[in-house]
Amino acid sequence: MIKCHLSRIMGEKKLKISDVAKDTGINRGTITRLYQETAVRVEFDVLEKLCVYLECDIAQLLELPLESGTASAKGTAE
């Protein structure tokens, strides 16, 4: 499962969800779901706005941890 580091980044920058929503124009509910890691999908433009606003790279915002024994860790090509 993809891990979102939005809560950590916002905490480091002392930002509130309402401030990020107001400053970026992203729906507050979308930011809340990313913050709480309950989002099941996210638009590329949302990710782009967040990265620009937070001055971070996409790899700093999202992470795909490789878990042993899963298809994602083993890869699909054999």
Foldseek 3Di string as FASTA:
>chain_A
DKQFCLLVLCVVVVHDLVVLCVVQVDDSVVSVCSNVVNDPDDDPVVLVSVCVVSVHDSCVGMDDDQDPPDCVNVDDDD
